[in-house]
C-alpha atoms as a PDB file:
ATOM      1  CA  MET A   1       0.000   0.000   0.000  1.00  0.00           C
ATOM      2  CA  SER A   2       1.498   3.330  -1.026  1.00  0.00           C
ATOM      3  CA  GLU A   3       1.610   6.458   1.076  1.00  0.00           C
ATOM      4  CA  PRO A   4      -0.897   9.174   0.151  1.00  0.00           C
ATOM      5  CA  ALA A   5       0.470  12.148  -1.752  1.00  0.00           C
ATOM      6  CA  THR A   6       1.318  15.183   0.350  1.00  0.00           C
ATOM      7  CA  ALA A   7       1.850  18.810  -0.527  1.00  0.00           C
ATOM      8  CA  ARG A   8       4.875  20.774   0.650  1.00  0.00           C
ATOM      9  CA  LEU A   9       4.370  24.007   2.585  1.00  0.00           C
ATOM     10  CA  LEU A  10       6.483  26.700   0.929  1.00  0.00           C
ATOM     11  CA  HIS A  11       6.124  29.861   3.013  1.00  0.00           C
ATOM     12  CA  GLY A  12       4.299  31.162   6.026  1.00  0.00           C
ATOM     13  CA  ALA A  13       2.835  34.475   7.043  1.00  0.00           C
ATOM     14  CA  THR A  14       1.732  35.922  10.337  1.00  0.00           C
ATOM     15  CA  MET A  15      -1.215  38.327  10.396  1.00  0.00           C
ATOM     16  CA  LEU A  16      -0.915  41.238  12.802  1.00  0.00           C
ATOM     17  CA  LEU A  17      -3.567  43.842  13.565  1.00  0.00           C
ATOM     18  CA  VAL A  18      -2.173  47.404  13.615  1.00  0.00           C
ATOM     19  CA  ARG A  19      -3.328  50.909  14.548  1.00  0.00           C
ATOM     20  CA  ASP A  20      -1.594  52.706  11.683  1.00  0.00           C
ATOM     21  CA  LEU A  21      -0.687  50.729   8.574  1.00  0.00           C
ATOM     22  CA  ALA A  22       1.713  53.349   7.186  1.00  0.00           C
ATOM     23  CA  ALA A  23       3.672  53.517  10.463  1.00  0.00           C
ATOM     24  CA  ALA A  24       3.786  49.723  10.775  1.00  0.00           C
ATOM     25  CA  VAL A  25       4.948  49.270   7.172  1.00  0.00           C
ATOM     26  CA  ALA A  26       7.646  51.911   7.667  1.00  0.00           C
ATOM     27  CA  TYR A  27       8.923  50.129  10.797  1.00  0.00           C
ATOM     28  CA  TYR A  28       9.029  46.685   9.193  1.00  0.00           C
ATOM     29  CA  ARG A  29      10.739  48.155   6.109  1.00  0.00           C
ATOM     30  CA  ASP A  30      13.180  50.558   7.755  1.00  0.00           C
ATOM     31  CA  ALA A  31      13.960  48.914  11.108  1.00  0.00           C
ATOM     32  CA  LEU A  32      13.521  45.224  10.273  1.00  0.00           C
ATOM     33  CA  GLY A  33      14.588  45.146   6.612  1.00  0.00           C
ATOM     34  CA  PHE A  34      11.380  43.743   5.106  1.00  0.00           C
ATOM     35  CA  THR A  35      10.842  44.444   1.387  1.00  0.00           C
ATOM     36  CA  ASN A  36       8.481  43.434  -1.409  1.00  0.00           C
ATOM     37  CA  ILE A  37       5.792  45.675   0.042  1.00  0.00           C
ATOM     38  CA  ARG A  38       2.294  45.230  -1.317  1.00  0.00           C
ATOM     39  CA  LEU A  39      -0.517  47.483  -0.103  1.00  0.00           C
ATOM     40  CA  TYR A  40      -4.243  47.001  -0.680  1.00  0.00           C
ATOM     41  CA  GLY A  41      -7.314  49.185  -0.242  1.00  0.00           C
ATOM     42  CA  GLU A  42      -8.045  52.825  -0.954  1.00  0.00           C
ATOM     43  CA  PRO A  43      -6.649  54.217   1.233  1.00  0.00           C
ATOM     44  CA  PRO A  44      -4.530  51.164   2.048  1.00  0.00           C
ATOM     45  CA  ASP A  45      -5.592  49.228   5.136  1.00  0.00           C
ATOM     46  CA  PHE A  46      -3.839  45.913   4.425  1.00  0.00           C
ATOM     47  CA  GLY A  47      -0.234  45.188   3.540  1.00  0.00           C
ATOM     48  CA  MET A  48       2.143  42.304   3.004  1.00  0.00           C
ATOM     49  CA  LEU A  49       5.922  42.446   3.359  1.00  0.00           C
ATOM     50  CA  SER A  50       8.663  39.849   3.191  1.00  0.00           C
ATOM     51  CA  ARG A  51      12.229  39.223   4.193  1.00  0.00           C
ATOM     52  CA  ASN A  52      13.789  36.181   2.564  1.00  0.00           C
ATOM     53  CA  VAL A  53      11.030  33.546   2.559  1.00  0.00           C
ATOM     54  CA  PHE A  54       9.207  34.946   5.598  1.00  0.00           C
ATOM     55  CA  HIS A  55       6.166  37.145   5.291  1.00  0.00           C
ATOM     56  CA  VAL A  56       4.128  39.341   7.566  1.00  0.00           C
ATOM     57  CA  MET A  57       0.627  40.621   6.848  1.00  0.00           C
ATOM     58  CA  LEU A  58      -0.563  43.820   8.512  1.00  0.00           C
ATOM     59  CA  LYS A  59      -4.235  44.795   8.830  1.00  0.00           C
ATOM     60  CA  GLN A  60      -5.180  48.244  10.080  1.00  0.00           C
ATOM     61  CA  ILE A  61      -8.191  48.230  12.378  1.00  0.00           C
ATOM     62  CA  ALA A  62     -10.172  51.032  13.987  1.00  0.00           C
ATOM     63  CA  ASP A  63     -10.663  49.421  17.408  1.00  0.00           C
ATOM     64  CA  ASP A  64      -7.301  49.519  19.251  1.00  0.00           C
ATOM     65  CA  SER A  65      -8.657  47.259  21.989  1.00  0.00           C
ATOM     66  CA  ARG A  66      -8.503  44.335  19.552  1.00  0.00           C
ATOM     67  CA  ILE A  67      -4.716  44.633  19.288  1.00  0.00           C
ATOM     68  CA  VAL A  68      -3.488  42.212  21.933  1.00  0.00           C
ATOM     69  CA  PRO A  69       0.218  41.390  21.804  1.00  0.00           C
ATOM     70  CA  ARG A  70       0.843  37.930  23.275  1.00  0.00           C
ATOM     71  CA  PRO A  71       3.278  39.134  25.993  1.00  0.00           C
ATOM     72  CA  THR A  72       0.393  41.132  27.495  1.00  0.00           C
ATOM     73  CA  VAL A  73      -1.554  37.880  27.823  1.00  0.00           C
ATOM     74  CA  GLU A  74       1.318  35.691  29.061  1.00  0.00           C
ATOM     75  CA  PRO A  75       4.852  36.936  29.816  1.00  0.00           C
ATOM     76  CA  GLY A  76       7.550  35.181  27.815  1.00  0.00           C
ATOM     77  CA  LEU A  77       5.510  34.717  24.641  1.00  0.00           C
ATOM     78  CA  TRP A  78       6.385  36.156  21.243  1.00  0.00           C
ATOM     79  CA  ASP A  79       3.999  37.238  18.512  1.00  0.00           C
ATOM     80  CA  ILE A  80       6.427  36.044  15.834  1.00  0.00           C
ATOM     81  CA  TYR A  81       9.599  33.981  16.145  1.00  0.00           C
ATOM     82  CA  TYR A  82      12.077  33.596  13.295  1.00  0.00           C
ATOM     83  CA  TRP A  83      15.035  31.190  13.274  1.00  0.00           C
ATOM     84  CA  VAL A  84      18.099  32.718  11.655  1.00  0.00           C
ATOM     85  CA  ASP A  85      21.557  31.592  10.582  1.00  0.00           C
ATOM     86  CA  ASP A  86      23.545  34.390  12.304  1.00  0.00           C
ATOM     87  CA  VAL A  87      21.790  35.964  15.251  1.00  0.00           C
ATOM     88  CA  GLU A  88      24.677  38.293  16.188  1.00  0.00           C
ATOM     89  CA  THR A  89      24.904  39.795  12.693  1.00  0.00           C
ATOM     90  CA  LEU A  90      21.131  40.232  12.526  1.00  0.00           C
ATOM     91  CA  PHE A  91      21.089  41.842  15.977  1.00  0.00           C
ATOM     92  CA  ARG A  92      23.696  44.413  14.929  1.00  0.00           C
ATOM     93  CA  GLU A  93      21.844  45.089  11.668  1.00  0.00           C
ATOM     94  CA  LEU A  94      18.467  45.656  13.329  1.00  0.00           C
ATOM     95  CA  ARG A  95      19.965  47.704  16.173  1.00  0.00           C
ATOM     96  CA  ASP A  96      21.751  49.908  13.639  1.00  0.00           C
ATOM     97  CA  ARG A  97      18.518  50.285  11.634  1.00  0.00           C
ATOM     98  CA  GLY A  98      16.831  51.651  14.767  1.00  0.00           C
ATOM     99  CA  ALA A  99      14.724  48.650  15.803  1.00  0.00           C
ATOM    100  CA  LYS A 100      13.400  48.883  19.352  1.00  0.00           C
ATOM    101  CA  ILE A 101      15.329  46.161  21.156  1.00  0.00           C
ATOM    102  CA  ALA A 102      13.285  44.305  23.778  1.00  0.00           C
ATOM    103  CA  TYR A 103      16.238  42.191  24.894  1.00  0.00           C
ATOM    104  CA  GLU A 104      19.749  41.641  23.580  1.00  0.00           C
ATOM    105  CA  PRO A 105      21.207  38.318  22.425  1.00  0.00           C
ATOM    106  CA  CYS A 106      21.232  35.723  25.176  1.00  0.00           C
ATOM    107  CA  ASP A 107      21.433  31.948  25.409  1.00  0.00           C
ATOM    108  CA  GLN A 108      18.212  30.145  26.281  1.00  0.00           C
ATOM    109  CA  PHE A 109      17.781  26.789  28.005  1.00  0.00           C
ATOM    110  CA  TYR A 110      16.096  25.391  24.878  1.00  0.00           C
ATOM    111  CA  GLY A 111      19.281  25.649  22.819  1.00  0.00           C
ATOM    112  CA  CYS A 112      18.847  28.970  21.031  1.00  0.00           C
ATOM    113  CA  ARG A 113      20.746  32.221  21.205  1.00  0.00           C
ATOM    114  CA  GLU A 114      18.122  34.876  20.646  1.00  0.00           C
ATOM    115  CA  PHE A 115      17.061  38.486  20.923  1.00  0.00           C
ATOM    116  CA  ALA A 116      13.768  40.268  20.432  1.00  0.00           C
ATOM    117  CA  VAL A 117      12.408  43.557  19.166  1.00  0.00           C
ATOM    118  CA  LEU A 118       9.151  45.386  19.755  1.00  0.00           C
ATOM    119  CA  ASP A 119       7.135  46.857  16.905  1.00  0.00           C
ATOM    120  CA  PRO A 120       5.047  50.076  17.173  1.00  0.00           C
ATOM    121  CA  ASN A 121       1.964  48.079  18.231  1.00  0.00           C
ATOM    122  CA  GLY A 122       3.745  46.262  21.054  1.00  0.00           C
ATOM    123  CA  TYR A 123       4.230  42.978  19.213  1.00  0.00           C
ATOM    124  CA  LEU A 124       7.292  41.043  20.379  1.00  0.00           C
ATOM    125  CA  ILE A 125       9.322  39.530  17.551  1.00  0.00           C
ATOM    126  CA  GLY A 126      12.010  37.032  18.481  1.00  0.00           C
ATOM    127  CA  PHE A 127      14.999  35.975  16.381  1.00  0.00           C
ATOM    128  CA  GLY A 128      16.913  32.857  17.387  1.00  0.00           C
ATOM    129  CA  GLN A 129      19.805  30.734  16.238  1.00  0.00           C
ATOM    130  CA  VAL A 130      20.087  27.108  17.271  1.00  0.00           C
ATOM    131  CA  ILE A 131      23.340  26.742  19.210  1.00  0.00           C
ATOM    132  CA  GLY A 132      23.093  23.278  20.647  1.00  0.00           C
ATOM    133  CA  PRO A 133      20.888  20.517  21.927  1.00  0.00           C
ATOM    134  CA  ARG A 134      18.186  21.235  24.447  1.00  0.00           C
ATOM    135  CA  LYS A 135      19.277  21.150  28.045  1.00  0.00           C
ATOM    136  CA  THR A 136      17.132  19.310  30.552  1.00  0.00           C
END
């Protein structure tokens, strides 16, 4: 009996609700280095940006109370987490671009060296590099 055919997932995107689409797009472009910006609506209220094969979708909403960054629900959670090949180089790049650093590179018990930034809506975005096996 043969295995059923499967499809390969190629990319992923996180959807974030934002107060001001133009400000959010500018931050992701200027501070985080995202490109390939596509805006939709008149005036625009939805945008998609990418960096390498990772994408983020931003949707402007009128009701700020619906913007709930995960760290406000449970400390220690990220809204987005990206694995990278050189966390130190990326940290220096984003710091020099003016990203708001939430915490600097540090080694975590789960085998990643990571840092995080905050976006203008309070979303916490982590960047980690696998440095070794998980510690128990």
